[in-house]
Amino acid sequence: MLKRRKNLSPEAPEFCALSNCMAVISGAWSPNVIWHLRGGPRRFSELKQDIPPISSKILSARLKELGERGVLLRRVCDTSPPSVEYSLTELGHELVVALQAIVEVGHKLKSR
């Protein structure tokens, strides 16, 4: 039987902290929605154009979930007809930094 070794990873995150962060960005297309909101507020139709493969049903579900998780704000504009804009919260902007790191690794993997 092999002896169990200690984990020597520096600053290993607590399991719950990592799980909590992953729960916020989990779900198909959630990282993409956050990524496209990093430049400023977007309306539903604009996000739909930014992410062509996503269906309206899934986009609507992700926007609702991300709003409930505190990642984005939903603002109803006083226009005729009424329109809705979505923008990132402070938490959402912090997640962009993590997504940027993932994108950089993705570029490295792609160039292999």
PDB file of N, CA and C in Angstrom:
ATOM      1  N   MET A   1       0.842  -1.183   0.000  1.00  0.00           N
ATOM      2  CA  MET A   1       0.000   0.000   0.000  1.00  0.00           C
ATOM      3  C   MET A   1       0.888   1.247   0.000  1.00  0.00           C
ATOM      4  N   LEU A   2       0.514   2.224  -0.834  1.00  0.00           N
ATOM      5  CA  LEU A   2       1.306   3.447  -0.924  1.00  0.00           C
ATOM      6  C   LEU A   2       0.992   4.388   0.223  1.00  0.00           C
ATOM      7  N   LYS A   3       2.022   5.055   0.696  1.00  0.00           N
ATOM      8  CA  LYS A   3       1.867   6.013   1.785  1.00  0.00           C
ATOM      9  C   LYS A   3       1.231   7.289   1.237  1.00  0.00           C
ATOM     10  N   ARG A   4       0.273   7.825   1.965  1.00  0.00           N
ATOM     11  CA  ARG A   4      -0.404   9.072   1.551  1.00  0.00           C
ATOM     12  C   ARG A   4       0.517  10.249   1.815  1.00  0.00           C
ATOM     13  N   ARG A   5       0.716  11.069   0.776  1.00  0.00           N
ATOM     14  CA  ARG A   5       1.592  12.229   0.887  1.00  0.00           C
ATOM     15  C   ARG A   5       0.798  13.469   1.257  1.00  0.00           C
ATOM     16  N   LYS A   6       1.450  14.417   1.891  1.00  0.00           N
ATOM     17  CA  LYS A   6       0.824  15.696   2.213  1.00  0.00           C
ATOM     18  C   LYS A   6       0.747  16.552   0.962  1.00  0.00           C
ATOM     19  N   ASN A   7      -0.278  17.389   0.891  1.00  0.00           N
ATOM     20  CA  ASN A   7      -0.410  18.340  -0.211  1.00  0.00           C
ATOM     21  C   ASN A   7       0.487  19.524   0.090  1.00  0.00           C
ATOM     22  N   LEU A   8       1.480  19.766  -0.746  1.00  0.00           N
ATOM     23  CA  LEU A   8       2.443  20.833  -0.527  1.00  0.00           C
ATOM     24  C   LEU A   8       2.153  22.067  -1.378  1.00  0.00           C
ATOM     25  N   SER A   9       0.972  22.135  -1.963  1.00  0.00           N
ATOM     26  CA  SER A   9       0.608  23.296  -2.777  1.00  0.00           C
ATOM     27  C   SER A   9       0.593  24.547  -1.907  1.00  0.00           C
ATOM     28  N   PRO A  10       1.305  25.590  -2.352  1.00  0.00           N
ATOM     29  CA  PRO A  10       1.303  26.820  -1.557  1.00  0.00           C
ATOM     30  C   PRO A  10      -0.060  27.499  -1.622  1.00  0.00           C
ATOM     31  N   GLU A  11      -0.502  27.982  -0.493  1.00  0.00           N
ATOM     32  CA  GLU A  11      -1.744  28.737  -0.403  1.00  0.00           C
ATOM     33  C   GLU A  11      -2.912  28.020  -1.076  1.00  0.00           C
ATOM     34  N   ALA A  12      -3.085  26.764  -0.784  1.00  0.00           N
ATOM     35  CA  ALA A  12      -4.219  26.027  -1.350  1.00  0.00           C
ATOM     36  C   ALA A  12      -5.512  26.661  -0.856  1.00  0.00           C
ATOM     37  N   PRO A  13      -6.446  26.942  -1.765  1.00  0.00           N
ATOM     38  CA  PRO A  13      -7.690  27.587  -1.328  1.00  0.00           C
ATOM     39  C   PRO A  13      -8.539  26.619  -0.517  1.00  0.00           C
ATOM     40  N   GLU A  14      -9.308  27.199   0.383  1.00  0.00           N
ATOM     41  CA  GLU A  14     -10.250  26.374   1.118  1.00  0.00           C
ATOM     42  C   GLU A  14     -11.227  25.783   0.104  1.00  0.00           C
ATOM     43  N   PHE A  15     -11.646  24.570   0.357  1.00  0.00           N
ATOM     44  CA  PHE A  15     -12.553  23.913  -0.588  1.00  0.00           C
ATOM     45  C   PHE A  15     -13.806  24.737  -0.822  1.00  0.00           C
ATOM     46  N   CYS A  16     -14.391  25.268   0.254  1.00  0.00           N
ATOM     47  CA  CYS A  16     -15.638  26.002   0.092  1.00  0.00           C
ATOM     48  C   CYS A  16     -15.434  27.307  -0.684  1.00  0.00           C
ATOM     49  N   ALA A  17     -14.279  27.967  -0.542  1.00  0.00           N
ATOM     50  CA  ALA A  17     -14.026  29.216  -1.264  1.00  0.00           C
ATOM     51  C   ALA A  17     -13.956  28.954  -2.767  1.00  0.00           C
ATOM     52  N   LEU A  18     -13.257  27.903  -3.146  1.00  0.00           N
ATOM     53  CA  LEU A  18     -13.159  27.552  -4.562  1.00  0.00           C
ATOM     54  C   LEU A  18     -14.515  27.142  -5.107  1.00  0.00           C
ATOM     55  N   SER A  19     -15.235  26.343  -4.349  1.00  0.00           N
ATOM     56  CA  SER A  19     -16.556  25.891  -4.778  1.00  0.00           C
ATOM     57  C   SER A  19     -17.531  27.054  -4.916  1.00  0.00           C
ATOM     58  N   ASN A  20     -17.464  27.995  -3.982  1.00  0.00           N
ATOM     59  CA  ASN A  20     -18.348  29.162  -4.049  1.00  0.00           C
ATOM     60  C   ASN A  20     -18.092  29.979  -5.309  1.00  0.00           C
ATOM     61  N   CYS A  21     -16.823  30.188  -5.629  1.00  0.00           N
ATOM     62  CA  CYS A  21     -16.491  30.963  -6.828  1.00  0.00           C
ATOM     63  C   CYS A  21     -16.949  30.235  -8.085  1.00  0.00           C
ATOM     64  N   MET A  22     -16.713  28.932  -8.143  1.00  0.00           N
ATOM     65  CA  MET A  22     -17.107  28.173  -9.321  1.00  0.00           C
ATOM     66  C   MET A  22     -18.628  28.114  -9.458  1.00  0.00           C
ATOM     67  N   ALA A  23     -19.338  28.123  -8.350  1.00  0.00           N
ATOM     68  CA  ALA A  23     -20.802  28.102  -8.399  1.00  0.00           C
ATOM     69  C   ALA A  23     -21.339  29.388  -9.018  1.00  0.00           C
ATOM     70  N   VAL A  24     -20.637  30.493  -8.789  1.00  0.00           N
ATOM     71  CA  VAL A  24     -21.084  31.778  -9.334  1.00  0.00           C
ATOM     72  C   VAL A  24     -20.961  31.802 -10.851  1.00  0.00           C
ATOM     73  N   ILE A  25     -19.889  31.231 -11.387  1.00  0.00           N
ATOM     74  CA  ILE A  25     -19.689  31.285 -12.839  1.00  0.00           C
ATOM     75  C   ILE A  25     -20.082  29.982 -13.529  1.00  0.00           C
ATOM     76  N   SER A  26     -20.701  29.071 -12.783  1.00  0.00           N
ATOM     77  CA  SER A  26     -21.100  27.809 -13.397  1.00  0.00           C
ATOM     78  C   SER A  26     -22.287  28.021 -14.329  1.00  0.00           C
ATOM     79  N   GLY A  27     -22.529  27.053 -15.122  1.00  0.00           N
ATOM     80  CA  GLY A  27     -23.629  27.142 -16.080  1.00  0.00           C
ATOM     81  C   GLY A  27     -23.090  27.489 -17.455  1.00  0.00           C
ATOM     82  N   ALA A  28     -23.618  26.799 -18.432  1.00  0.00           N
ATOM     83  CA  ALA A  28     -23.189  27.056 -19.803  1.00  0.00           C
ATOM     84  C   ALA A  28     -23.416  28.518 -20.153  1.00  0.00           C
ATOM     85  N   TRP A  29     -22.424  29.137 -20.700  1.00  0.00           N
ATOM     86  CA  TRP A  29     -22.462  30.500 -21.212  1.00  0.00           C
ATOM     87  C   TRP A  29     -22.307  31.590 -20.154  1.00  0.00           C
ATOM     88  N   SER A  30     -22.332  31.272 -18.869  1.00  0.00           N
ATOM     89  CA  SER A  30     -22.186  32.314 -17.854  1.00  0.00           C
ATOM     90  C   SER A  30     -20.876  33.090 -17.988  1.00  0.00           C
ATOM     91  N   PRO A  31     -19.730  32.408 -18.158  1.00  0.00           N
ATOM     92  CA  PRO A  31     -18.490  33.170 -18.341  1.00  0.00           C
ATOM     93  C   PRO A  31     -18.538  34.067 -19.583  1.00  0.00           C
ATOM     94  N   ASN A  32     -19.191  33.600 -20.646  1.00  0.00           N
ATOM     95  CA  ASN A  32     -19.298  34.401 -21.862  1.00  0.00           C
ATOM     96  C   ASN A  32     -20.122  35.661 -21.623  1.00  0.00           C
ATOM     97  N   VAL A  33     -21.203  35.532 -20.878  1.00  0.00           N
ATOM     98  CA  VAL A  33     -22.048  36.690 -20.575  1.00  0.00           C
ATOM     99  C   VAL A  33     -21.251  37.704 -19.763  1.00  0.00           C
ATOM    100  N   ILE A  34     -20.545  37.232 -18.737  1.00  0.00           N
ATOM    101  CA  ILE A  34     -19.722  38.127 -17.923  1.00  0.00           C
ATOM    102  C   ILE A  34     -18.671  38.794 -18.806  1.00  0.00           C
ATOM    103  N   TRP A  35     -18.039  38.036 -19.651  1.00  0.00           N
ATOM    104  CA  TRP A  35     -16.977  38.545 -20.521  1.00  0.00           C
ATOM    105  C   TRP A  35     -17.486  39.672 -21.423  1.00  0.00           C
ATOM    106  N   HIS A  36     -18.660  39.501 -21.991  1.00  0.00           N
ATOM    107  CA  HIS A  36     -19.190  40.509 -22.909  1.00  0.00           C
ATOM    108  C   HIS A  36     -19.753  41.731 -22.193  1.00  0.00           C
ATOM    109  N   LEU A  37     -19.994  41.627 -20.907  1.00  0.00           N
ATOM    110  CA  LEU A  37     -20.448  42.784 -20.145  1.00  0.00           C
ATOM    111  C   LEU A  37     -19.289  43.597 -19.569  1.00  0.00           C
ATOM    112  N   ARG A  38     -18.064  43.109 -19.737  1.00  0.00           N
ATOM    113  CA  ARG A  38     -16.920  43.793 -19.149  1.00  0.00           C
ATOM    114  C   ARG A  38     -16.686  45.176 -19.742  1.00  0.00           C
ATOM    115  N   GLY A  39     -17.152  45.413 -20.949  1.00  0.00           N
ATOM    116  CA  GLY A  39     -16.947  46.705 -21.611  1.00  0.00           C
ATOM    117  C   GLY A  39     -18.007  47.741 -21.278  1.00  0.00           C
ATOM    118  N   GLY A  40     -19.056  47.338 -20.576  1.00  0.00           N
ATOM    119  CA  GLY A  40     -20.110  48.281 -20.225  1.00  0.00           C
ATOM    120  C   GLY A  40     -21.479  47.657 -20.398  1.00  0.00           C
ATOM    121  N   PRO A  41     -22.517  48.424 -20.088  1.00  0.00           N
ATOM    122  CA  PRO A  41     -23.887  47.907 -20.147  1.00  0.00           C
ATOM    123  C   PRO A  41     -24.270  47.429 -21.548  1.00  0.00           C
ATOM    124  N   ARG A  42     -25.056  46.355 -21.583  1.00  0.00           N
ATOM    125  CA  ARG A  42     -25.547  45.790 -22.850  1.00  0.00           C
ATOM    126  C   ARG A  42     -27.009  45.425 -22.667  1.00  0.00           C
ATOM    127  N   ARG A  43     -27.764  45.559 -23.758  1.00  0.00           N
ATOM    128  CA  ARG A  43     -29.158  45.110 -23.764  1.00  0.00           C
ATOM    129  C   ARG A  43     -29.192  43.630 -24.169  1.00  0.00           C
ATOM    130  N   PHE A  44     -30.336  42.999 -23.935  1.00  0.00           N
ATOM    131  CA  PHE A  44     -30.505  41.579 -24.238  1.00  0.00           C
ATOM    132  C   PHE A  44     -30.152  41.287 -25.694  1.00  0.00           C
ATOM    133  N   SER A  45     -30.701  42.072 -26.609  1.00  0.00           N
ATOM    134  CA  SER A  45     -30.469  41.822 -28.038  1.00  0.00           C
ATOM    135  C   SER A  45     -28.991  41.987 -28.402  1.00  0.00           C
ATOM    136  N   GLU A  46     -28.308  42.910 -27.732  1.00  0.00           N
ATOM    137  CA  GLU A  46     -26.876  43.102 -28.002  1.00  0.00           C
ATOM    138  C   GLU A  46     -26.075  41.890 -27.516  1.00  0.00           C
ATOM    139  N   LEU A  47     -26.427  41.381 -26.340  1.00  0.00           N
ATOM    140  CA  LEU A  47     -25.748  40.189 -25.836  1.00  0.00           C
ATOM    141  C   LEU A  47     -26.028  38.991 -26.731  1.00  0.00           C
ATOM    142  N   LYS A  48     -27.233  38.895 -27.223  1.00  0.00           N
ATOM    143  CA  LYS A  48     -27.589  37.801 -28.137  1.00  0.00           C
ATOM    144  C   LYS A  48     -26.728  37.854 -29.398  1.00  0.00           C
ATOM    145  N   GLN A  49     -26.459  39.063 -29.898  1.00  0.00           N
ATOM    146  CA  GLN A  49     -25.590  39.213 -31.070  1.00  0.00           C
ATOM    147  C   GLN A  49     -24.127  38.942 -30.726  1.00  0.00           C
ATOM    148  N   ASP A  50     -23.721  39.296 -29.504  1.00  0.00           N
ATOM    149  CA  ASP A  50     -22.341  39.056 -29.070  1.00  0.00           C
ATOM    150  C   ASP A  50     -22.030  37.568 -28.958  1.00  0.00           C
ATOM    151  N   ILE A  51     -23.036  36.774 -28.594  1.00  0.00           N
ATOM    152  CA  ILE A  51     -22.857  35.338 -28.375  1.00  0.00           C
ATOM    153  C   ILE A  51     -23.834  34.587 -29.277  1.00  0.00           C
ATOM    154  N   PRO A  52     -23.573  34.519 -30.583  1.00  0.00           N
ATOM    155  CA  PRO A  52     -24.534  33.942 -31.531  1.00  0.00           C
ATOM    156  C   PRO A  52     -25.024  32.528 -31.217  1.00  0.00           C
ATOM    157  N   PRO A  53     -24.176  31.610 -30.721  1.00  0.00           N
ATOM    158  CA  PRO A  53     -24.691  30.254 -30.510  1.00  0.00           C
ATOM    159  C   PRO A  53     -25.694  30.111 -29.362  1.00  0.00           C
ATOM    160  N   ILE A  54     -25.791  31.102 -28.480  1.00  0.00           N
ATOM    161  CA  ILE A  54     -26.665  30.978 -27.312  1.00  0.00           C
ATOM    162  C   ILE A  54     -28.126  31.202 -27.715  1.00  0.00           C
ATOM    163  N   SER A  55     -29.003  30.396 -27.137  1.00  0.00           N
ATOM    164  CA  SER A  55     -30.432  30.583 -27.418  1.00  0.00           C
ATOM    165  C   SER A  55     -30.985  31.666 -26.499  1.00  0.00           C
ATOM    166  N   SER A  56     -32.085  32.261 -26.902  1.00  0.00           N
ATOM    167  CA  SER A  56     -32.713  33.304 -26.091  1.00  0.00           C
ATOM    168  C   SER A  56     -33.120  32.769 -24.725  1.00  0.00           C
ATOM    169  N   LYS A  57     -33.610  31.537 -24.703  1.00  0.00           N
ATOM    170  CA  LYS A  57     -34.046  30.924 -23.450  1.00  0.00           C
ATOM    171  C   LYS A  57     -32.874  30.789 -22.471  1.00  0.00           C
ATOM    172  N   ILE A  58     -31.743  30.304 -22.958  1.00  0.00           N
ATOM    173  CA  ILE A  58     -30.573  30.112 -22.098  1.00  0.00           C
ATOM    174  C   ILE A  58     -29.996  31.463 -21.673  1.00  0.00           C
ATOM    175  N   LEU A  59     -29.933  32.417 -22.597  1.00  0.00           N
ATOM    176  CA  LEU A  59     -29.419  33.744 -22.243  1.00  0.00           C
ATOM    177  C   LEU A  59     -30.269  34.359 -21.143  1.00  0.00           C
ATOM    178  N   SER A  60     -31.573  34.258 -21.284  1.00  0.00           N
ATOM    179  CA  SER A  60     -32.478  34.792 -20.273  1.00  0.00           C
ATOM    180  C   SER A  60     -32.251  34.120 -18.920  1.00  0.00           C
ATOM    181  N   ALA A  61     -32.073  32.805 -18.927  1.00  0.00           N
ATOM    182  CA  ALA A  61     -31.837  32.064 -17.687  1.00  0.00           C
ATOM    183  C   ALA A  61     -30.516  32.467 -17.045  1.00  0.00           C
ATOM    184  N   ARG A  62     -29.470  32.624 -17.859  1.00  0.00           N
ATOM    185  CA  ARG A  62     -28.156  33.004 -17.316  1.00  0.00           C
ATOM    186  C   ARG A  62     -28.184  34.412 -16.743  1.00  0.00           C
ATOM    187  N   LEU A  63     -28.859  35.324 -17.426  1.00  0.00           N
ATOM    188  CA  LEU A  63     -28.951  36.695 -16.919  1.00  0.00           C
ATOM    189  C   LEU A  63     -29.678  36.712 -15.572  1.00  0.00           C
ATOM    190  N   LYS A  64     -30.719  35.930 -15.460  1.00  0.00           N
ATOM    191  CA  LYS A  64     -31.471  35.854 -14.196  1.00  0.00           C
ATOM    192  C   LYS A  64     -30.591  35.273 -13.091  1.00  0.00           C
ATOM    193  N   GLU A  65     -29.901  34.167 -13.389  1.00  0.00           N
ATOM    194  CA  GLU A  65     -29.031  33.519 -12.401  1.00  0.00           C
ATOM    195  C   GLU A  65     -27.909  34.446 -11.956  1.00  0.00           C
ATOM    196  N   LEU A  66     -27.254  35.098 -12.907  1.00  0.00           N
ATOM    197  CA  LEU A  66     -26.140  35.984 -12.566  1.00  0.00           C
ATOM    198  C   LEU A  66     -26.620  37.192 -11.760  1.00  0.00           C
ATOM    199  N   GLY A  67     -27.822  37.645 -12.038  1.00  0.00           N
ATOM    200  CA  GLY A  67     -28.401  38.729 -11.250  1.00  0.00           C
ATOM    201  C   GLY A  67     -28.668  38.288  -9.824  1.00  0.00           C
ATOM    202  N   GLU A  68     -29.204  37.076  -9.662  1.00  0.00           N
ATOM    203  CA  GLU A  68     -29.489  36.540  -8.327  1.00  0.00           C
ATOM    204  C   GLU A  68     -28.213  36.302  -7.535  1.00  0.00           C
ATOM    205  N   ARG A  69     -27.133  36.001  -8.228  1.00  0.00           N
ATOM    206  CA  ARG A  69     -25.855  35.731  -7.564  1.00  0.00           C
ATOM    207  C   ARG A  69     -25.059  37.013  -7.295  1.00  0.00           C
ATOM    208  N   GLY A  70     -25.582  38.146  -7.718  1.00  0.00           N
ATOM    209  CA  GLY A  70     -24.921  39.426  -7.447  1.00  0.00           C
ATOM    210  C   GLY A  70     -23.821  39.786  -8.414  1.00  0.00           C
ATOM    211  N   VAL A  71     -23.800  39.140  -9.586  1.00  0.00           N
ATOM    212  CA  VAL A  71     -22.762  39.393 -10.578  1.00  0.00           C
ATOM    213  C   VAL A  71     -23.139  40.537 -11.506  1.00  0.00           C
ATOM    214  N   LEU A  72     -24.413  40.692 -11.783  1.00  0.00           N
ATOM    215  CA  LEU A  72     -24.835  41.766 -12.675  1.00  0.00           C
ATOM    216  C   LEU A  72     -26.075  42.468 -12.161  1.00  0.00           C
ATOM    217  N   LEU A  73     -26.268  43.672 -12.677  1.00  0.00           N
ATOM    218  CA  LEU A  73     -27.439  44.486 -12.357  1.00  0.00           C
ATOM    219  C   LEU A  73     -28.345  44.549 -13.565  1.00  0.00           C
ATOM    220  N   ARG A  74     -29.633  44.528 -13.315  1.00  0.00           N
ATOM    221  CA  ARG A  74     -30.641  44.666 -14.370  1.00  0.00           C
ATOM    222  C   ARG A  74     -31.317  46.009 -14.159  1.00  0.00           C
ATOM    223  N   ARG A  75     -31.222  46.873 -15.171  1.00  0.00           N
ATOM    224  CA  ARG A  75     -31.799  48.211 -15.056  1.00  0.00           C
ATOM    225  C   ARG A  75     -32.817  48.421 -16.168  1.00  0.00           C
ATOM    226  N   VAL A  76     -34.051  48.740 -15.772  1.00  0.00           N
ATOM    227  CA  VAL A  76     -35.092  49.029 -16.746  1.00  0.00           C
ATOM    228  C   VAL A  76     -34.973  50.499 -17.129  1.00  0.00           C
ATOM    229  N   CYS A  77     -34.772  50.748 -18.421  1.00  0.00           N
ATOM    230  CA  CYS A  77     -34.600  52.116 -18.918  1.00  0.00           C
ATOM    231  C   CYS A  77     -35.966  52.750 -19.176  1.00  0.00           C
ATOM    232  N   ASP A  78     -36.068  54.018 -18.888  1.00  0.00           N
ATOM    233  CA  ASP A  78     -37.320  54.757 -19.084  1.00  0.00           C
ATOM    234  C   ASP A  78     -37.398  55.227 -20.538  1.00  0.00           C
ATOM    235  N   THR A  79     -37.678  54.271 -21.417  1.00  0.00           N
ATOM    236  CA  THR A  79     -37.806  54.563 -22.846  1.00  0.00           C
ATOM    237  C   THR A  79     -39.143  54.023 -23.327  1.00  0.00           C
ATOM    238  N   SER A  80     -39.493  54.384 -24.532  1.00  0.00           N
ATOM    239  CA  SER A  80     -40.719  53.863 -25.116  1.00  0.00           C
ATOM    240  C   SER A  80     -40.365  53.152 -26.420  1.00  0.00           C
ATOM    241  N   PRO A  81     -40.491  51.870 -26.523  1.00  0.00           N
ATOM    242  CA  PRO A  81     -40.888  50.911 -25.501  1.00  0.00           C
ATOM    243  C   PRO A  81     -39.777  50.740 -24.461  1.00  0.00           C
ATOM    244  N   PRO A  82     -40.119  50.252 -23.271  1.00  0.00           N
ATOM    245  CA  PRO A  82     -39.118  50.064 -22.225  1.00  0.00           C
ATOM    246  C   PRO A  82     -38.031  49.090 -22.671  1.00  0.00           C
ATOM    247  N   SER A  83     -36.815  49.353 -22.274  1.00  0.00           N
ATOM    248  CA  SER A  83     -35.719  48.440 -22.561  1.00  0.00           C
ATOM    249  C   SER A  83     -34.978  48.156 -21.262  1.00  0.00           C
ATOM    250  N   VAL A  84     -34.205  47.088 -21.272  1.00  0.00           N
ATOM    251  CA  VAL A  84     -33.481  46.659 -20.082  1.00  0.00           C
ATOM    252  C   VAL A  84     -32.001  46.586 -20.424  1.00  0.00           C
ATOM    253  N   GLU A  85     -31.175  47.117 -19.525  1.00  0.00           N
ATOM    254  CA  GLU A  85     -29.725  47.041 -19.676  1.00  0.00           C
ATOM    255  C   GLU A  85     -29.155  46.199 -18.550  1.00  0.00           C
ATOM    256  N   TYR A  86     -28.127  45.448 -18.881  1.00  0.00           N
ATOM    257  CA  TYR A  86     -27.427  44.630 -17.905  1.00  0.00           C
ATOM    258  C   TYR A  86     -26.007  45.155 -17.785  1.00  0.00           C
ATOM    259  N   SER A  87     -25.511  45.233 -16.559  1.00  0.00           N
ATOM    260  CA  SER A  87     -24.142  45.671 -16.325  1.00  0.00           C
ATOM    261  C   SER A  87     -23.560  44.886 -15.159  1.00  0.00           C
ATOM    262  N   LEU A  88     -22.242  44.850 -15.091  1.00  0.00           N
ATOM    263  CA  LEU A  88     -21.573  44.102 -14.037  1.00  0.00           C
ATOM    264  C   LEU A  88     -21.564  44.878 -12.724  1.00  0.00           C
ATOM    265  N   THR A  89     -21.666  44.151 -11.644  1.00  0.00           N
ATOM    266  CA  THR A  89     -21.499  44.711 -10.309  1.00  0.00           C
ATOM    267  C   THR A  89     -19.997  44.691  -9.993  1.00  0.00           C
ATOM    268  N   GLU A  90     -19.659  45.123  -8.793  1.00  0.00           N
ATOM    269  CA  GLU A  90     -18.258  45.072  -8.366  1.00  0.00           C
ATOM    270  C   GLU A  90     -17.755  43.626  -8.381  1.00  0.00           C
ATOM    271  N   LEU A  91     -18.583  42.702  -7.903  1.00  0.00           N
ATOM    272  CA  LEU A  91     -18.228  41.286  -7.939  1.00  0.00           C
ATOM    273  C   LEU A  91     -18.012  40.816  -9.378  1.00  0.00           C
ATOM    274  N   GLY A  92     -18.868  41.252 -10.279  1.00  0.00           N
ATOM    275  CA  GLY A  92     -18.726  40.884 -11.682  1.00  0.00           C
ATOM    276  C   GLY A  92     -17.407  41.344 -12.268  1.00  0.00           C
ATOM    277  N   HIS A  93     -16.994  42.565 -11.912  1.00  0.00           N
ATOM    278  CA  HIS A  93     -15.707  43.084 -12.407  1.00  0.00           C
ATOM    279  C   HIS A  93     -14.532  42.301 -11.820  1.00  0.00           C
ATOM    280  N   GLU A  94     -14.681  41.837 -10.589  1.00  0.00           N
ATOM    281  CA  GLU A  94     -13.624  41.010 -10.001  1.00  0.00           C
ATOM    282  C   GLU A  94     -13.524  39.672 -10.726  1.00  0.00           C
ATOM    283  N   LEU A  95     -14.645  39.134 -11.159  1.00  0.00           N
ATOM    284  CA  LEU A  95     -14.637  37.868 -11.891  1.00  0.00           C
ATOM    285  C   LEU A  95     -13.984  38.008 -13.264  1.00  0.00           C
ATOM    286  N   VAL A  96     -14.053  39.198 -13.849  1.00  0.00           N
ATOM    287  CA  VAL A  96     -13.423  39.423 -15.161  1.00  0.00           C
ATOM    288  C   VAL A  96     -11.926  39.174 -15.069  1.00  0.00           C
ATOM    289  N   VAL A  97     -11.317  39.561 -13.956  1.00  0.00           N
ATOM    290  CA  VAL A  97      -9.875  39.335 -13.770  1.00  0.00           C
ATOM    291  C   VAL A  97      -9.573  37.837 -13.808  1.00  0.00           C
ATOM    292  N   ALA A  98     -10.398  37.040 -13.131  1.00  0.00           N
ATOM    293  CA  ALA A  98     -10.203  35.586 -13.143  1.00  0.00           C
ATOM    294  C   ALA A  98     -10.431  35.020 -14.541  1.00  0.00           C
ATOM    295  N   LEU A  99     -11.446  35.504 -15.230  1.00  0.00           N
ATOM    296  CA  LEU A  99     -11.720  35.029 -16.590  1.00  0.00           C
ATOM    297  C   LEU A  99     -10.592  35.414 -17.543  1.00  0.00           C
ATOM    298  N   GLN A 100      -9.988  36.584 -17.338  1.00  0.00           N
ATOM    299  CA  GLN A 100      -8.861  37.008 -18.179  1.00  0.00           C
ATOM    300  C   GLN A 100      -7.710  36.012 -18.058  1.00  0.00           C
ATOM    301  N   ALA A 101      -7.436  35.555 -16.831  1.00  0.00           N
ATOM    302  CA  ALA A 101      -6.378  34.566 -16.625  1.00  0.00           C
ATOM    303  C   ALA A 101      -6.709  33.261 -17.353  1.00  0.00           C
ATOM    304  N   ILE A 102      -7.963  32.860 -17.319  1.00  0.00           N
ATOM    305  CA  ILE A 102      -8.388  31.642 -18.022  1.00  0.00           C
ATOM    306  C   ILE A 102      -8.228  31.807 -19.532  1.00  0.00           C
ATOM    307  N   VAL A 103      -8.572  32.980 -20.044  1.00  0.00           N
ATOM    308  CA  VAL A 103      -8.434  33.263 -21.475  1.00  0.00           C
ATOM    309  C   VAL A 103      -6.968  33.190 -21.889  1.00  0.00           C
ATOM    310  N   GLU A 104      -6.072  33.731 -21.066  1.00  0.00           N
ATOM    311  CA  GLU A 104      -4.644  33.700 -21.393  1.00  0.00           C
ATOM    312  C   GLU A 104      -4.130  32.267 -21.458  1.00  0.00           C
ATOM    313  N   VAL A 105      -4.550  31.426 -20.533  1.00  0.00           N
ATOM    314  CA  VAL A 105      -4.165  30.014 -20.583  1.00  0.00           C
ATOM    315  C   VAL A 105      -4.752  29.354 -21.820  1.00  0.00           C
ATOM    316  N   GLY A 106      -5.983  29.702 -22.170  1.00  0.00           N
ATOM    317  CA  GLY A 106      -6.613  29.173 -23.368  1.00  0.00           C
ATOM    318  C   GLY A 106      -5.830  29.499 -24.628  1.00  0.00           C
ATOM    319  N   HIS A 107      -5.306  30.733 -24.713  1.00  0.00           N
ATOM    320  CA  HIS A 107      -4.484  31.116 -25.875  1.00  0.00           C
ATOM    321  C   HIS A 107      -3.210  30.293 -25.932  1.00  0.00           C
ATOM    322  N   LYS A 108      -2.609  30.036 -24.778  1.00  0.00           N
ATOM    323  CA  LYS A 108      -1.395  29.221 -24.748  1.00  0.00           C
ATOM    324  C   LYS A 108      -1.692  27.793 -25.184  1.00  0.00           C
ATOM    325  N   LEU A 109      -2.816  27.247 -24.709  1.00  0.00           N
ATOM    326  CA  LEU A 109      -3.179  25.896 -25.103  1.00  0.00           C
ATOM    327  C   LEU A 109      -3.470  25.805 -26.589  1.00  0.00           C
ATOM    328  N   LYS A 110      -4.096  26.836 -27.123  1.00  0.00           N
ATOM    329  CA  LYS A 110      -4.442  26.848 -28.532  1.00  0.00           C
ATOM    330  C   LYS A 110      -3.196  26.884 -29.418  1.00  0.00           C
ATOM    331  N   SER A 111      -2.150  27.560 -28.950  1.00  0.00           N
ATOM    332  CA  SER A 111      -0.932  27.698 -29.754  1.00  0.00           C
ATOM    333  C   SER A 111      -0.026  26.471 -29.690  1.00  0.00           C
ATOM    334  N   ARG A 112      -0.358  25.516 -28.847  1.00  0.00           N
ATOM    335  CA  ARG A 112       0.458  24.289 -28.739  1.00  0.00           C
ATOM    336  C   ARG A 112       0.393  23.456 -29.975  1.00  0.00           C
TER     337      ARG A 112
END
